Protein backbone atom coordinates (compact mmCIF):
# COMPACT_ATOMS: atom_id res chain seq x y z
CA MET A 1 -4.93 2.89 -20.40
CA ALA A 2 -3.86 1.05 -17.26
CA LEU A 3 -0.73 2.01 -15.50
CA LEU A 4 0.64 -1.02 -13.78
CA CYS A 5 3.71 -1.71 -11.41
CA THR A 6 6.24 -4.24 -11.78
CA THR A 7 8.94 -5.46 -9.48
CA ILE A 8 12.57 -4.85 -10.58
CA THR A 9 15.77 -4.03 -8.82
CA HIS A 10 16.21 -0.36 -8.35
CA ALA A 11 17.75 2.14 -5.89
CA SER A 12 15.79 2.86 -2.72
CA VAL A 13 14.31 6.33 -2.50
CA LEU A 14 15.82 6.57 0.96
CA THR A 15 18.88 4.71 2.17
CA ILE A 16 18.66 4.27 5.99
CA ASN A 17 21.35 2.73 8.20
CA PRO A 18 19.52 -0.33 9.60
CA ASP A 19 21.63 -0.18 12.78
CA SER A 20 20.08 3.15 13.66
CA VAL A 21 16.58 1.71 13.71
CA GLU A 22 15.69 -0.23 16.85
CA ALA A 23 13.35 -2.87 15.23
CA ALA A 24 13.96 -6.34 13.87
CA SER A 25 12.14 -5.53 10.53
CA TRP A 26 10.41 -2.41 9.21
CA ILE A 27 9.14 -0.79 6.01
CA ILE A 28 7.98 2.75 4.87
CA TYR A 29 5.44 2.54 2.07
CA ASP A 30 3.81 5.23 -0.02
CA PRO A 31 0.41 4.28 -1.24
CA GLN A 32 0.11 7.03 -3.76
CA SER A 33 3.15 5.96 -5.76
CA LYS A 34 2.96 2.36 -4.60
CA GLN A 35 6.65 2.57 -3.82
CA THR A 36 8.59 1.18 -0.83
CA LEU A 37 10.63 4.19 0.28
CA ALA A 38 12.98 2.21 2.62
CA GLU A 39 12.95 -1.12 4.32
CA TYR A 40 15.00 -3.57 6.38
CA ASN A 41 14.31 -7.28 6.62
CA SER A 42 10.78 -6.47 5.47
CA HIS A 43 10.06 -10.04 4.00
CA ALA A 44 11.28 -11.78 7.25
CA GLN A 45 8.44 -14.12 8.49
CA ARG A 46 7.77 -12.94 12.00
CA ALA A 47 5.11 -13.41 14.64
CA PRO A 48 2.55 -10.60 13.81
CA ALA A 49 0.69 -10.82 17.18
CA SER A 50 -2.48 -8.69 17.01
CA LEU A 51 -1.57 -7.16 13.69
CA THR A 52 -3.29 -10.34 12.62
CA LYS A 53 -6.66 -8.68 13.52
CA MET A 54 -6.25 -6.37 10.56
CA MET A 55 -7.15 -9.37 8.43
CA VAL A 56 -10.17 -10.21 10.62
CA ALA A 57 -11.30 -6.56 10.14
CA TYR A 58 -10.68 -6.81 6.39
CA LEU A 59 -12.89 -9.94 5.93
CA THR A 60 -15.50 -8.46 8.19
CA LEU A 61 -15.63 -5.21 6.25
CA LYS A 62 -15.64 -7.12 3.00
CA ALA A 63 -18.62 -9.18 4.18
CA ILE A 64 -20.39 -5.90 5.06
CA GLN A 65 -19.65 -4.49 1.65
CA GLU A 66 -20.94 -7.54 -0.01
CA GLY A 67 -24.22 -7.39 1.86
CA LYS A 68 -23.51 -10.54 3.90
CA LEU A 69 -23.34 -8.61 7.19
CA LYS A 70 -24.51 -5.27 8.62
CA THR A 71 -22.83 -3.21 11.33
CA THR A 72 -26.20 -3.24 13.21
CA ASP A 73 -26.54 -7.01 13.06
CA VAL A 74 -26.76 -8.39 16.59
CA ILE A 75 -24.64 -11.52 17.38
CA THR A 76 -25.17 -13.80 20.39
CA ALA A 77 -21.72 -14.75 21.78
CA SER A 78 -21.24 -18.48 21.77
CA ASN A 79 -19.06 -20.86 23.78
CA VAL A 80 -16.10 -19.93 21.51
CA VAL A 81 -15.38 -17.00 23.81
CA HIS A 82 -14.24 -19.55 26.36
CA ILE A 83 -11.05 -20.30 24.33
CA VAL A 84 -9.81 -16.84 25.34
CA GLN A 85 -7.51 -17.13 28.34
CA PRO A 86 -7.72 -14.72 31.25
CA ASP A 87 -4.42 -13.05 30.49
CA GLU A 88 -5.36 -12.34 26.87
CA SER A 89 -6.72 -8.89 25.78
CA GLN A 90 -10.54 -9.09 25.66
CA MET A 91 -13.75 -7.21 26.00
CA PHE A 92 -15.04 -9.76 28.44
CA LEU A 93 -17.77 -11.30 26.32
CA ARG A 94 -19.77 -13.97 28.01
CA GLN A 95 -21.66 -16.76 26.34
CA GLY A 96 -25.20 -15.67 25.57
CA GLN A 97 -24.47 -11.95 25.63
CA GLN A 98 -25.72 -9.93 22.61
CA ILE A 99 -23.42 -7.53 20.74
CA THR A 100 -23.59 -5.77 17.40
CA VAL A 101 -20.98 -6.12 14.61
CA ASP A 102 -20.07 -2.46 15.00
CA GLN A 103 -19.33 -3.07 18.65
CA LEU A 104 -17.26 -6.13 17.87
CA LEU A 105 -15.30 -4.14 15.33
CA SER A 106 -14.47 -1.46 17.98
CA GLY A 107 -13.56 -4.26 20.45
CA LEU A 108 -11.42 -5.88 17.83
CA ILE A 109 -9.49 -2.86 16.66
CA VAL A 110 -9.44 -0.44 19.72
CA MET A 111 -9.42 -3.08 22.54
CA SER A 112 -7.54 -5.63 20.47
CA ALA A 113 -9.89 -8.03 22.02
CA ASN A 114 -9.38 -11.70 21.29
CA ASP A 115 -12.96 -12.64 22.18
CA ALA A 116 -14.11 -10.07 19.47
CA ALA A 117 -11.71 -11.73 16.99
CA VAL A 118 -12.96 -15.30 17.55
CA THR A 119 -16.68 -14.30 17.62
CA LEU A 120 -16.33 -12.51 14.21
CA ALA A 121 -14.42 -15.50 12.92
CA GLN A 122 -17.17 -17.84 13.88
CA GLN A 123 -19.78 -15.59 12.51
CA LEU A 124 -18.05 -15.29 9.13
CA GLY A 125 -16.54 -18.72 8.79
CA GLY A 126 -18.96 -20.90 10.70
CA ASP A 127 -16.03 -22.11 12.86
CA ILE A 128 -12.45 -21.03 13.48
CA PRO A 129 -10.75 -23.53 11.07
CA HIS A 130 -12.95 -22.44 8.23
CA PHE A 131 -12.25 -18.80 9.09
CA VAL A 132 -8.63 -19.43 9.06
CA GLU A 133 -8.86 -20.89 5.67
CA MET A 134 -10.59 -17.73 4.55
CA MET A 135 -7.70 -15.63 6.06
CA ASN A 136 -5.07 -17.54 4.23
CA SER A 137 -7.09 -17.57 0.91
CA GLU A 138 -7.50 -13.73 1.06
CA ALA A 139 -3.86 -13.37 2.04
CA LYS A 140 -2.85 -15.31 -1.12
CA ALA A 141 -5.17 -13.32 -3.22
CA LEU A 142 -3.64 -10.07 -1.88
CA GLY A 143 -0.17 -11.23 -2.79
CA MET A 144 0.97 -11.66 0.89
CA THR A 145 3.59 -14.25 0.04
CA ASP A 146 5.40 -14.18 3.34
CA THR A 147 2.25 -14.78 5.42
CA HIS A 148 0.44 -17.77 6.95
CA PHE A 149 -2.33 -17.66 9.57
CA THR A 150 -3.41 -20.43 12.05
CA ASN A 151 -5.65 -18.31 14.30
CA PRO A 152 -7.67 -15.03 14.14
CA ALA A 153 -6.39 -13.45 17.33
CA GLY A 154 -2.65 -13.38 16.63
CA ILE A 155 -1.79 -16.06 19.40
CA THR A 156 1.80 -17.21 18.76
CA MET A 157 1.75 -20.63 17.19
CA ASP A 158 3.84 -22.58 14.79
CA GLY A 159 3.02 -21.64 11.24
CA HIS A 160 1.48 -18.29 12.27
CA TYR A 161 3.60 -15.64 10.64
CA ALA A 162 3.64 -12.55 8.44
CA SER A 163 6.19 -9.92 7.22
CA ALA A 164 6.35 -6.16 7.51
CA ALA A 165 6.01 -5.96 3.78
CA ASP A 166 2.89 -8.07 3.61
CA LEU A 167 1.34 -6.18 6.57
CA ALA A 168 1.95 -2.83 4.81
CA LYS A 169 0.16 -4.37 1.81
CA LEU A 170 -2.76 -5.49 3.88
CA ALA A 171 -2.79 -2.07 5.69
CA ASN A 172 -2.94 -0.25 2.26
CA THR A 173 -5.74 -2.51 0.95
CA LEU A 174 -7.71 -1.87 4.06
CA ILE A 175 -7.40 1.85 3.72
CA GLN A 176 -8.10 1.82 -0.05
CA GLN A 177 -11.00 -0.62 -0.17
CA TYR A 178 -12.51 -0.09 3.41
CA PRO A 179 -11.60 3.33 4.60
CA GLN A 180 -14.19 3.02 7.39
CA TYR A 181 -11.58 0.97 9.14
CA LEU A 182 -9.95 4.23 9.99
CA TYR A 183 -13.11 5.35 11.85
CA TYR A 184 -12.25 2.51 14.33
CA SER A 185 -8.57 2.65 14.36
CA LYS A 186 -8.41 6.37 15.21
CA GLN A 187 -10.45 5.99 18.43
CA THR A 188 -8.45 6.67 21.46
CA SER A 189 -10.55 4.53 23.76
CA TYR A 190 -13.61 2.39 23.77
CA SER A 191 -15.98 1.17 26.39
CA TRP A 192 -18.31 -1.83 26.39
CA ASN A 193 -20.40 -3.31 29.20
CA GLY A 194 -18.47 -1.37 31.88
CA HIS A 195 -15.11 -2.12 30.57
CA THR A 196 -13.00 0.70 29.16
CA HIS A 197 -9.79 0.20 27.09
CA HIS A 198 -7.50 3.03 26.06
CA ALA A 199 -5.84 2.43 22.64
CA THR A 200 -2.40 1.28 22.80
CA ASN A 201 -1.34 3.32 19.84
CA ILE A 202 -0.23 6.21 21.91
CA LEU A 203 0.50 8.37 18.77
CA LEU A 204 -3.25 8.88 18.26
CA LYS A 205 -3.14 11.44 21.13
CA GLN A 206 0.05 13.07 20.01
CA ASP A 207 -0.63 13.69 16.44
CA PRO A 208 -4.10 14.49 14.87
CA THR A 209 -2.86 13.29 11.43
CA VAL A 210 -2.28 9.79 12.83
CA ASP A 211 -5.41 7.71 12.29
CA GLY A 212 -4.30 4.05 12.63
CA LEU A 213 -3.75 1.24 12.08
CA LYS A 214 -3.03 -1.49 14.76
CA THR A 215 -0.71 -2.44 17.56
CA GLY A 216 0.44 -5.94 18.57
CA TYR A 217 2.44 -7.65 21.20
CA THR A 218 3.45 -11.08 22.35
CA ALA A 219 6.41 -12.16 24.16
CA ALA A 220 7.64 -14.12 20.91
CA ALA A 221 6.75 -11.14 18.60
CA GLY A 222 7.89 -8.19 20.62
CA TYR A 223 6.12 -4.95 20.12
CA ASN A 224 4.70 -4.41 16.64
CA LEU A 225 2.97 -1.44 15.15
CA ALA A 226 1.36 -0.70 11.82
CA LEU A 227 1.12 3.08 11.68
CA THR A 228 -0.47 5.48 9.10
CA ALA A 229 -0.99 9.17 8.95
CA LYS A 230 -2.43 11.56 6.32
CA ARG A 231 -1.04 15.03 6.03
CA PRO A 232 -1.50 18.10 3.78
CA THR A 233 1.21 19.08 1.24
CA VAL A 234 2.12 22.25 -0.56
CA SER A 235 1.34 20.66 -3.89
CA THR A 236 -1.88 21.82 -5.62
CA GLN A 237 -1.84 18.66 -7.70
CA LEU A 238 -1.44 16.41 -4.66
CA PRO A 239 -2.86 18.35 -1.69
CA GLU A 240 -2.81 15.33 0.70
CA ARG A 241 -0.40 12.48 1.24
CA ARG A 242 -0.61 9.26 3.25
CA LEU A 243 2.27 7.04 4.43
CA ILE A 244 2.27 3.60 6.04
CA VAL A 245 5.01 2.46 8.28
CA VAL A 246 5.17 -1.09 9.93
CA VAL A 247 7.71 -1.92 12.59
CA MET A 248 8.09 -5.33 14.05
CA GLY A 249 10.13 -6.77 16.93
CA THR A 250 10.80 -3.69 18.95
CA LYS A 251 11.56 -3.76 22.71
CA SER A 252 8.65 -1.89 24.24
CA ALA A 253 5.37 -0.10 23.57
CA TYR A 254 7.10 3.25 23.80
CA LYS A 255 9.88 2.13 21.43
CA ARG A 256 7.60 0.87 18.72
CA ALA A 257 5.81 4.27 18.79
CA GLN A 258 9.06 6.19 18.71
CA VAL A 259 10.76 4.14 15.91
CA ALA A 260 7.61 4.23 13.64
CA TYR A 261 6.91 7.83 14.24
CA GLU A 262 10.58 8.84 13.55
CA LEU A 263 10.50 6.80 10.27
CA MET A 264 7.23 8.35 9.27
CA ASN A 265 8.10 11.92 10.01
CA MET A 266 11.49 11.66 8.27
CA ALA A 267 9.90 10.13 5.22
CA PHE A 268 7.19 12.85 5.07
CA ASN A 269 9.92 15.53 5.29
CA TYR A 270 12.62 14.02 3.07
CA THR A 271 10.56 12.55 0.27
CA ARG A 272 8.02 14.02 -2.11
CA ASP A 273 5.29 12.81 -4.35
CA GLU A 274 5.28 14.09 -7.94
CA VAL A 275 3.01 13.70 -10.88
CA ALA A 276 5.20 11.93 -13.49
CA ILE A 277 2.59 11.43 -16.05
CA GLN A 278 -0.61 13.57 -16.22
CA ALA A 279 -4.06 11.94 -16.82
CA ASN A 280 -4.90 11.92 -20.61
CA GLN A 281 -1.25 12.87 -21.42
CA PRO A 282 -0.19 11.51 -24.77
CA ILE A 283 2.71 9.13 -24.43
CA ALA A 284 3.41 7.93 -27.96
CA GLN A 285 1.90 7.65 -31.40
CA LEU A 286 2.11 4.23 -33.13
CA PRO A 287 1.49 3.63 -36.95
CA VAL A 288 -1.26 1.28 -37.70
CA VAL A 289 -0.95 -1.23 -40.63
CA GLU A 290 -4.08 -2.24 -42.56
CA GLY A 291 -6.35 -0.30 -40.15
CA LYS A 292 -9.20 2.15 -40.74
CA GLN A 293 -7.17 4.62 -38.71
CA ASN A 294 -3.56 5.40 -39.61
CA THR A 295 -2.15 5.81 -36.08
CA PHE A 296 -2.96 4.91 -32.51
CA THR A 297 -2.12 7.32 -29.71
CA LEU A 298 -1.07 5.87 -26.38
CA LYS A 299 -2.50 8.02 -23.57
CA ALA A 300 -2.53 7.82 -19.79
CA ASP A 301 -6.10 7.62 -18.53
CA SER A 302 -4.97 8.36 -14.93
CA ALA A 303 -2.14 10.16 -13.40
CA ARG A 304 1.10 8.30 -12.44
CA ILE A 305 2.69 9.49 -9.15
CA ILE A 306 6.29 8.83 -8.23
CA THR A 307 8.09 9.46 -5.00
CA THR A 308 11.43 11.12 -5.07
CA SER A 309 14.07 11.78 -2.38
CA LEU A 310 14.79 15.29 -0.91
CA TYR A 311 17.84 13.95 1.04
CA ASP A 312 20.92 15.74 -0.22
CA SER A 313 23.85 13.63 0.94
CA ASN A 314 25.73 10.53 -0.28
CA SER A 315 25.85 8.99 3.20
CA PRO A 316 22.97 6.76 4.52
CA ILE A 317 20.63 8.25 6.77
CA SER A 318 21.19 7.53 10.48
CA MET A 319 17.89 7.87 12.40
CA LYS A 320 20.01 8.83 15.32
CA ASN A 321 20.55 12.13 13.51
CA PHE A 322 16.89 12.87 12.81
CA SER A 323 14.98 15.08 15.23
CA ASN A 324 11.22 14.64 15.70
CA THR A 325 11.09 18.11 17.09
CA SER A 326 12.72 19.95 14.14
CA GLY A 327 11.82 17.41 11.57
CA LEU A 328 15.47 17.72 10.27
CA ILE A 329 18.58 15.55 9.87
CA SER A 330 21.72 16.94 11.31
CA ILE A 331 25.12 15.51 10.81
CA ASP A 332 28.01 16.80 13.04
CA GLY A 333 25.98 19.90 13.89
CA GLN A 334 25.27 20.66 10.20
CA VAL A 335 21.64 20.64 9.18
CA ILE A 336 20.76 18.87 5.98
CA ALA A 337 17.66 20.62 4.85
CA PRO A 338 15.18 18.93 2.46
CA LEU A 339 15.80 19.69 -1.25
CA GLN A 340 13.49 22.11 -3.01
CA ASP A 341 13.91 20.39 -6.33
CA THR A 342 14.55 16.83 -7.40
CA LYS A 343 16.69 15.77 -10.42
CA THR A 344 14.46 13.31 -11.95
CA HIS A 345 13.85 12.31 -15.61
CA LEU A 346 11.76 9.61 -17.38
CA SER A 347 12.79 7.30 -20.11
CA ILE A 348 10.20 5.57 -22.34
CA GLN A 349 10.91 2.49 -24.39
CA LEU A 350 8.28 1.25 -26.82
CA ASP A 351 7.38 -2.39 -26.68
CA GLN A 352 5.61 -2.07 -30.02
CA LYS A 353 6.85 -0.19 -32.98
CA GLN A 354 3.70 -0.52 -34.94
CA LEU A 355 0.27 -2.14 -34.72
CA THR A 356 -1.56 -4.34 -37.12
CA ALA A 357 -5.26 -4.35 -37.48
CA PRO A 358 -7.54 -5.93 -36.50
CA LEU A 359 -6.93 -5.74 -32.75
CA ASN A 360 -9.15 -5.86 -29.73
CA GLN A 361 -7.11 -6.60 -26.64
CA GLU A 362 -5.11 -5.19 -23.72
CA MET A 363 -1.49 -4.78 -24.70
CA ASN A 364 1.63 -3.66 -23.05
CA LEU A 365 2.87 -0.79 -25.35
CA ALA A 366 5.70 0.91 -23.41
CA ASN A 367 7.94 0.88 -20.46
CA VAL A 368 8.79 3.84 -18.33
CA LYS A 369 11.95 4.13 -16.20
CA VAL A 370 12.24 6.90 -13.64
CA PHE A 371 15.75 8.12 -12.75
CA GLN A 372 16.82 10.43 -9.98
CA ASN A 373 20.40 11.54 -9.97
CA ASN A 374 21.08 9.14 -12.74
CA GLN A 375 19.87 6.09 -10.53
CA LEU A 376 16.82 4.02 -11.39
CA ILE A 377 14.19 4.48 -8.63
CA GLU A 378 11.09 3.14 -10.38
CA ASP A 379 10.05 1.18 -13.43
CA PHE A 380 6.54 0.52 -14.72
CA PRO A 381 4.86 -0.62 -17.87
CA LEU A 382 2.12 1.27 -19.78
CA SER A 383 -0.67 -0.76 -21.17
CA ALA A 384 -3.76 0.10 -23.15
CA LYS A 385 -6.95 -1.54 -24.54
CA VAL A 386 -6.31 -1.51 -28.30
CA GLU A 387 -9.32 -1.59 -30.52
CA LEU A 388 -8.46 -1.37 -34.23
CA GLU A 389 -10.82 -2.21 -37.09
CA ARG A 390 -9.24 -3.57 -40.28
CA ALA A 391 -9.64 -1.42 -43.39
CA ASN A 392 -11.68 -2.73 -46.28
CA LEU A 393 -10.10 -4.01 -49.48
CA PHE A 394 -10.22 -0.64 -51.26
CA GLU A 395 -8.83 1.20 -48.23
CA ARG A 396 -6.01 -1.44 -48.01
CA PHE A 397 -5.16 -0.88 -51.70
CA ILE A 398 -4.92 2.92 -51.17
CA HIS A 399 -2.63 2.20 -48.14
CA TRP A 400 -0.50 0.03 -50.32
CA LEU A 401 -0.33 2.41 -52.98
CA LYS A 402 0.81 5.18 -50.64
CA HIS A 403 3.38 2.79 -49.32
CA ILE A 404 5.03 2.10 -52.53
CA LEU A 405 4.50 5.74 -53.61
CA PRO A 406 5.65 7.56 -50.46
CA PHE A 407 5.51 10.93 -52.01
CA PHE A 408 1.66 10.57 -51.96
CA SER A 409 1.60 9.51 -48.31
CA ASP A 410 0.57 11.73 -45.50
CA ASN A 411 0.57 8.90 -42.89
CA ALA A 412 3.06 8.46 -40.09
CA THR A 413 5.32 5.48 -40.86
CA GLU A 414 7.38 5.50 -37.64
CA ALA A 415 6.42 5.50 -33.96
CA ILE A 416 6.73 8.83 -32.19
CA VAL A 417 7.46 9.21 -28.47
CA TYR A 418 6.29 12.53 -26.96
CA PRO A 419 8.50 14.32 -24.56
CA ILE A 420 7.34 13.93 -20.94
CA LYS A 421 9.86 15.73 -18.78
């Protein structure tokens, strides 16, 4: 059974006063539950600056996984490096120099080198325009509906834009599909050919749980940061947890780090992941008409995780009241400690009351609504591959006989929903 997400209107897990966050747009995303915990202006199309290079890294790592490229492959820099201007971030590649894909990835991610970006783009796409087509095609495939690229380096140009929500989606896909990206993004410095660059994600040196993802800056974009960290939890079911925060349009390198870090720490402390549905947990039993089997049991073949709030106040959170030092929110001198328990419950509505054989298809069979404090915070369908063989003529006759003579029947005639929480 596949557990799929759907997009509906529901209450935010955390309600944050946007005036207390010094960024033009931002988002907090939980990859485990696939929930947006809080956001502001997260679908606004803004200049992404060097956050663009996450897509270059994505396509490079995809090519490596597909066997089209190796990290040990040596590339000879072409005259494409001449398009990089002296004031742009670079690793100072010169035409004719040889460099490995591994070194280019470090230059791209740690140094944020534009010459590394265009060199990889030419290697993968044949030329820059074709590579940009690849970037936009991949963005479309990933569902990045607020994004369009015109260059691989993140130079400010008309038609080159992305949203915080889309960049969080790209960041999550990078981590899920190509976790080796984090090997590069957690490096605090990188040297090549006598040039050393210290990572501009200053949080890498402040917090060992922070392992990426990318910084970006142009005058038009402001200071951007895609940040992620993975931390241990007290849960034996979910011993580790990762969060992703994207902030765009802050006023300085220090401010982007401060804003992103405060949002991340607050979300880690005031939300919790919970297993809503266990793997292999029976959800419902549906009667089967004219089938060799009388019933079909809907089960979860993987656990479904939800994120719930631990913030116990009706007023929106002001980030000005959150302390990175204590990890707590205080209002007028009164500390609002994270809740120990959450008031959540699940409601299951069946999409099918019975199944008629024969069947051999994926079907949406139920819909689950998650409520916290009587507010809907998440909604998702449950689907399953239904394989039902039709009964033979004699078996169908016996089923019919039991139907008209119910006192002989031992079959379930109504759907049963099992209690979950």
